[in-house]
Amino acid sequence: MPGLAVRGHEGHGAVKMVGGQFYHRLMIVPRRVGRRPAVGGFGGRPGRPESRPGGGYTRRMADLTFVCGTCGAEFSLPAQVVSKYPNWTPKACMDCRNGKGAPTRSPGTARGRSATRTMDLTTAQVLEQFTDGPRSGIFTDGSCQTNPGPGGWGAVFVRGGEVVAQRFGADPATTNNRMELTAMIEGLLMAPHAEPVDIYSDSQLVVNTLTAWAKGWEARGWKRKDGEVMNLDLVQRAYGLAQERPHARIQWIRAHDGSRWNEYADALASAYQRSEA
């Protein structure tokens, strides 16, 4: 499958692709009751035998390592999990599946990991440190200190590298997804009705909700095929605003990647934790 890599951990078997399918060679490790396995062997703690009544063989499957087709980061899953779903190959890491792309960039790109992933920067500090990324558009972001828990949101409208407008706020008891949706709502409210504008979010959940899923949910009476729509109040509000602004292009942008105005929106979203934005 193009753009997707998979391999077994070194020393734990091997994985290869044959005829478009992944095959994993298992290692069969003999174990005897009462004998200590070698330090660093499969399973258990080093130097501790695994008790198995009657002795015999223990079958071990290595973790499989994949490359996320969205952010390019490597991630691993136990082979036992993958084997439960024949013909399935995971396409995205947990960060991307949960709505936040990992900060790792593809090889050959210039920008590196952003300091905002580990540092709480003000908007002024962001402007001093970052220059890359789009220079125009509306950038939105949400944050939650302990998901769920206190959270904040931020949105900034920029033209040619100059701030046109900005908004930010907080909620003492919320979730990260609610803050991301709230930031998008505030960004849409800043968007001109008749002017093309790009609206950025680093939440794939928000982008996919508004550009791919909400139309079908609305047609089914605001229900998903397999359950309720989470945060329905905010989803309906955001989708309604997006429909009123047909020239607004909602796009995903990678989080914590050095893009100046996305980092700025991140600083706005976390301003509730500081004495200044």
Foldseek 3Di string as FASTA:
>chain_A
DPQKDKWFPPPQFTWDADPNAIDTDWDKDFAAPPDFDDAPDPDDHGRDGDDDPPGTIDTAHTWMWMAASPARDIDTDTPVVVVVDPPDDDRHDPCVVQFAHDQDHDPPDDFHFFPVVPDQDALVVLVVPFDDDDQFAKAKAKDDPPAFAKIKIKIFGGDRNHTPDIDMDIDGTDGRVVRQLVRLLVRLVPDDQPDAGEYEYQGPVLLCLQPPNVVVCVVVVNQDPVGHDPPSVSSVSNNVSCVSRVRYHYDYDHPRGRHRVNVNRVSRGCCVVDPHD
